[in-house]
Amino acid sequence: MTATAGGPGTAHMIEADVLLPSDGSEYSQPIMAHPPETNSDNTLQEWLTAVIKSSKGIKLDFKSLAAVEPSMMLLESVKRHLKRPVWINADILPGPNGNSRVVDAKPFIDMVTSFFPDVTFSLGWTTGWHPEKVNEGYSWTMVKEMEYICKELKQPVTFPVRAALVRQSCSQLLWLLKKSNRYLLTSSCDQ
């Protein structure tokens, strides 16, 4: 779980990584965990119960498609208490130095939209960073594929990007942002 800062000492959003536990239980509840960890005693239901008491927006970062529907059902059960932004995130495309373990875009978007048609999507690329190597940025192919997926969406879309890769990708990312007034970038400073 991380906080998204709005300035020194200010966090406006709370992010949580969501997946189903690896124990294979048919009745598994979504949990808060980030691969390679795939088990946790912190369930999404418990987390939502705690976080709806705060004044923070929430960002749920999905690591698997299997966790989306049960998580949307839990989120729907607290919907009337959600008076702040809700962002739903998944890495749907391979990105710079990333891997191919992505969440399948169409079923992800369709499932989320069926529960929350007005949610803000946070749709990203898997990325990596290698301090001892030259790191490629977001290519034209990557941003054009993202635009192809997002162009028909009616919801706001933020593209989470790795800050260390933005400089070498300025032209591509600016092109993407100019495609719609619904698009924006969010960045993480982790390497």
Protein backbone atom coordinates (compact mmCIF):
# COMPACT_ATOMS: atom_id res chain seq x y z
CA MET A 1 0.00 0.00 0.00
CA THR A 2 1.38 3.41 -0.93
CA ALA A 3 0.21 6.97 -0.62
CA THR A 4 0.14 9.23 -3.64
CA ALA A 5 1.46 12.62 -2.62
CA GLY A 6 -0.04 15.96 -3.50
CA GLY A 7 2.83 17.95 -2.04
CA PRO A 8 5.16 17.80 0.94
CA GLY A 9 3.45 15.83 3.69
CA THR A 10 0.14 15.60 1.83
CA ALA A 11 -1.34 12.39 0.46
CA HIS A 12 -4.58 12.54 -1.49
CA MET A 13 -4.83 8.92 -2.61
CA ILE A 14 -4.11 5.56 -1.04
CA GLU A 15 -3.02 2.77 -3.38
CA ALA A 16 -3.36 -0.93 -2.76
CA ASP A 17 -2.18 -3.88 -4.86
CA VAL A 18 -4.93 -6.49 -5.24
CA LEU A 19 -4.79 -10.14 -6.22
CA LEU A 20 -6.26 -13.49 -5.28
CA PRO A 21 -4.16 -15.60 -2.91
CA SER A 22 -2.08 -18.38 -4.40
CA ASP A 23 -3.51 -21.04 -2.08
CA GLY A 24 -5.95 -22.05 -4.82
CA SER A 25 -9.02 -21.85 -2.62
CA GLU A 26 -12.23 -21.71 -4.62
CA TYR A 27 -13.63 -19.20 -2.12
CA SER A 28 -10.59 -16.96 -1.98
CA GLN A 29 -11.16 -13.34 -1.15
CA PRO A 30 -9.12 -10.62 -2.83
CA ILE A 31 -6.10 -9.70 -0.75
CA MET A 32 -3.58 -6.90 -0.59
CA ALA A 33 -0.25 -8.21 -1.90
CA HIS A 34 2.36 -7.37 -4.51
CA PRO A 35 4.03 -10.15 -6.50
CA PRO A 36 6.19 -12.03 -5.86
CA GLU A 37 4.20 -12.16 -2.61
CA THR A 38 0.88 -13.88 -3.33
CA ASN A 39 -0.48 -14.46 0.17
CA SER A 40 -1.50 -12.01 2.86
CA ASP A 41 -3.70 -11.80 5.91
CA ASN A 42 -4.85 -8.34 4.79
CA THR A 43 -8.05 -8.74 2.76
CA LEU A 44 -9.46 -6.14 0.40
CA GLN A 45 -12.70 -6.18 2.39
CA GLU A 46 -10.88 -5.25 5.62
CA TRP A 47 -8.86 -2.60 3.79
CA LEU A 48 -11.97 -1.02 2.25
CA THR A 49 -13.70 -0.96 5.64
CA ALA A 50 -10.77 0.99 7.06
CA VAL A 51 -10.11 3.29 4.11
CA ILE A 52 -13.69 4.50 3.62
CA LYS A 53 -13.37 6.18 7.02
CA SER A 54 -10.57 8.37 5.66
CA SER A 55 -10.78 11.42 3.44
CA LYS A 56 -8.43 9.88 0.88
CA GLY A 57 -9.21 8.71 -2.62
CA ILE A 58 -8.38 5.11 -3.45
CA LYS A 59 -6.46 3.45 -6.24
CA LEU A 60 -6.79 -0.30 -6.61
CA ASP A 61 -3.92 -1.79 -8.61
CA PHE A 62 -4.86 -5.18 -10.04
CA LYS A 63 -2.17 -7.77 -10.57
CA SER A 64 -4.49 -10.40 -12.07
CA LEU A 65 -7.75 -10.49 -13.98
CA ALA A 66 -9.13 -13.14 -11.61
CA ALA A 67 -9.21 -10.62 -8.75
CA VAL A 68 -11.22 -7.97 -10.63
CA GLU A 69 -14.80 -9.26 -10.42
CA PRO A 70 -14.77 -10.22 -6.71
CA SER A 71 -13.06 -6.90 -5.95
CA MET A 72 -15.63 -4.90 -7.92
CA MET A 73 -18.36 -6.69 -5.96
CA LEU A 74 -16.72 -5.65 -2.69
CA LEU A 75 -16.21 -2.11 -3.93
CA GLU A 76 -19.84 -1.95 -5.03
CA SER A 77 -20.94 -2.96 -1.51
CA VAL A 78 -19.27 0.19 -0.09
CA LYS A 79 -20.14 2.43 -3.05
CA ARG A 80 -22.56 4.63 -1.09
CA HIS A 81 -19.71 5.49 1.31
CA LEU A 82 -17.30 6.48 -1.46
CA LYS A 83 -17.34 10.27 -1.58
CA ARG A 84 -13.85 10.58 -3.01
CA PRO A 85 -12.04 9.57 -6.21
CA VAL A 86 -11.71 5.90 -7.13
CA TRP A 87 -9.06 4.89 -9.64
CA ILE A 88 -8.81 1.37 -10.99
CA ASN A 89 -5.36 0.38 -12.27
CA ALA A 90 -3.75 -2.45 -14.19
CA ASP A 91 -0.67 -2.82 -16.34
CA ILE A 92 -2.29 -3.83 -19.61
CA LEU A 93 0.70 -3.64 -21.99
CA PRO A 94 4.38 -4.57 -21.87
CA GLY A 95 6.50 -1.43 -21.58
CA PRO A 96 10.13 -0.38 -21.43
CA ASN A 97 12.26 -3.10 -19.85
CA GLY A 98 8.99 -4.69 -18.71
CA ASN A 99 7.69 -8.20 -18.92
CA SER A 100 4.77 -9.74 -20.71
CA ARG A 101 2.79 -10.51 -17.53
CA VAL A 102 -0.01 -8.06 -18.16
CA VAL A 103 -3.70 -7.97 -17.29
CA ASP A 104 -5.78 -8.59 -20.42
CA ALA A 105 -7.12 -5.13 -21.33
CA LYS A 106 -10.54 -5.83 -22.84
CA PRO A 107 -11.96 -8.13 -20.14
CA PHE A 108 -10.44 -5.88 -17.46
CA ILE A 109 -12.02 -2.72 -18.86
CA ASP A 110 -15.34 -4.46 -19.56
CA MET A 111 -15.56 -5.91 -16.05
CA VAL A 112 -14.71 -2.65 -14.30
CA THR A 113 -17.08 -0.64 -16.50
CA SER A 114 -19.95 -3.07 -15.84
CA PHE A 115 -19.74 -2.18 -12.13
CA PHE A 116 -18.43 1.41 -12.28
CA PRO A 117 -19.09 3.10 -15.63
CA ASP A 118 -17.71 6.46 -14.41
CA VAL A 119 -14.53 5.30 -12.69
CA THR A 120 -11.14 6.78 -13.54
CA PHE A 121 -8.98 4.19 -15.26
CA SER A 122 -5.27 4.05 -14.58
CA LEU A 123 -3.90 1.98 -17.45
CA GLY A 124 -0.21 1.32 -17.64
CA TRP A 125 2.68 -0.64 -18.99
CA THR A 126 4.88 -3.15 -17.18
CA THR A 127 8.26 -1.47 -16.80
CA GLY A 128 11.67 -2.13 -15.40
CA TRP A 129 14.75 -0.10 -14.57
CA HIS A 130 18.36 -1.19 -14.86
CA PRO A 131 20.76 1.36 -13.33
CA GLU A 132 23.79 -0.23 -14.99
CA LYS A 133 22.29 -0.05 -18.51
CA VAL A 134 20.82 2.46 -20.93
CA ASN A 135 17.08 2.27 -20.38
CA GLU A 136 14.77 2.64 -23.35
CA GLY A 137 11.73 4.88 -22.95
CA TYR A 138 8.13 4.46 -24.03
CA SER A 139 8.24 3.73 -27.76
CA TRP A 140 5.88 4.96 -30.45
CA THR A 141 4.51 1.43 -30.76
CA MET A 142 3.75 1.34 -27.02
CA VAL A 143 1.90 4.67 -26.88
CA LYS A 144 0.01 4.02 -30.12
CA GLU A 145 -1.16 0.65 -28.84
CA MET A 146 -2.33 2.31 -25.61
CA GLU A 147 -4.20 4.99 -27.56
CA TYR A 148 -5.88 2.29 -29.66
CA ILE A 149 -7.15 0.59 -26.49
CA CYS A 150 -8.27 3.81 -24.79
CA LYS A 151 -9.69 5.90 -27.64
CA GLU A 152 -13.25 4.58 -27.29
CA LEU A 153 -13.39 4.91 -23.50
CA LYS A 154 -15.62 7.64 -22.09
CA GLN A 155 -13.95 7.70 -18.67
CA PRO A 156 -10.93 9.73 -17.60
CA VAL A 157 -7.71 7.76 -18.10
CA THR A 158 -4.42 8.35 -16.36
CA PHE A 159 -1.30 6.64 -17.63
CA PRO A 160 1.08 5.71 -14.81
CA VAL A 161 4.63 6.13 -16.09
CA ARG A 162 8.02 5.51 -14.55
CA ALA A 163 9.55 8.96 -13.96
CA ALA A 164 13.05 7.76 -14.87
CA LEU A 165 11.80 6.88 -18.38
CA VAL A 166 9.89 10.07 -19.18
CA ARG A 167 12.77 12.20 -20.50
CA GLN A 168 13.56 9.79 -23.32
CA SER A 169 9.82 9.51 -24.11
CA CYS A 170 8.65 13.14 -24.14
CA SER A 171 7.54 13.21 -27.78
CA GLN A 172 5.63 9.95 -27.48
CA LEU A 173 3.91 10.81 -24.20
CA LEU A 174 2.99 14.33 -25.34
CA TRP A 175 1.49 12.83 -28.50
CA LEU A 176 -0.59 10.46 -26.35
CA LEU A 177 -1.79 13.24 -24.04
CA LYS A 178 -2.88 15.38 -26.99
CA LYS A 179 -5.16 12.62 -28.25
CA SER A 180 -7.83 13.34 -25.63
CA ASN A 181 -8.63 15.87 -22.93
CA ARG A 182 -9.55 12.85 -20.76
CA TYR A 183 -5.91 11.69 -20.63
CA LEU A 184 -3.28 12.57 -18.04
CA LEU A 185 -0.02 11.16 -16.71
CA THR A 186 0.86 10.09 -13.20
CA SER A 187 4.39 9.12 -12.38
CA SER A 188 6.24 7.13 -9.81
CA CYS A 189 9.74 8.00 -8.75
CA ASP A 190 10.75 4.47 -7.84
CA GLN A 191 13.47 3.00 -9.94
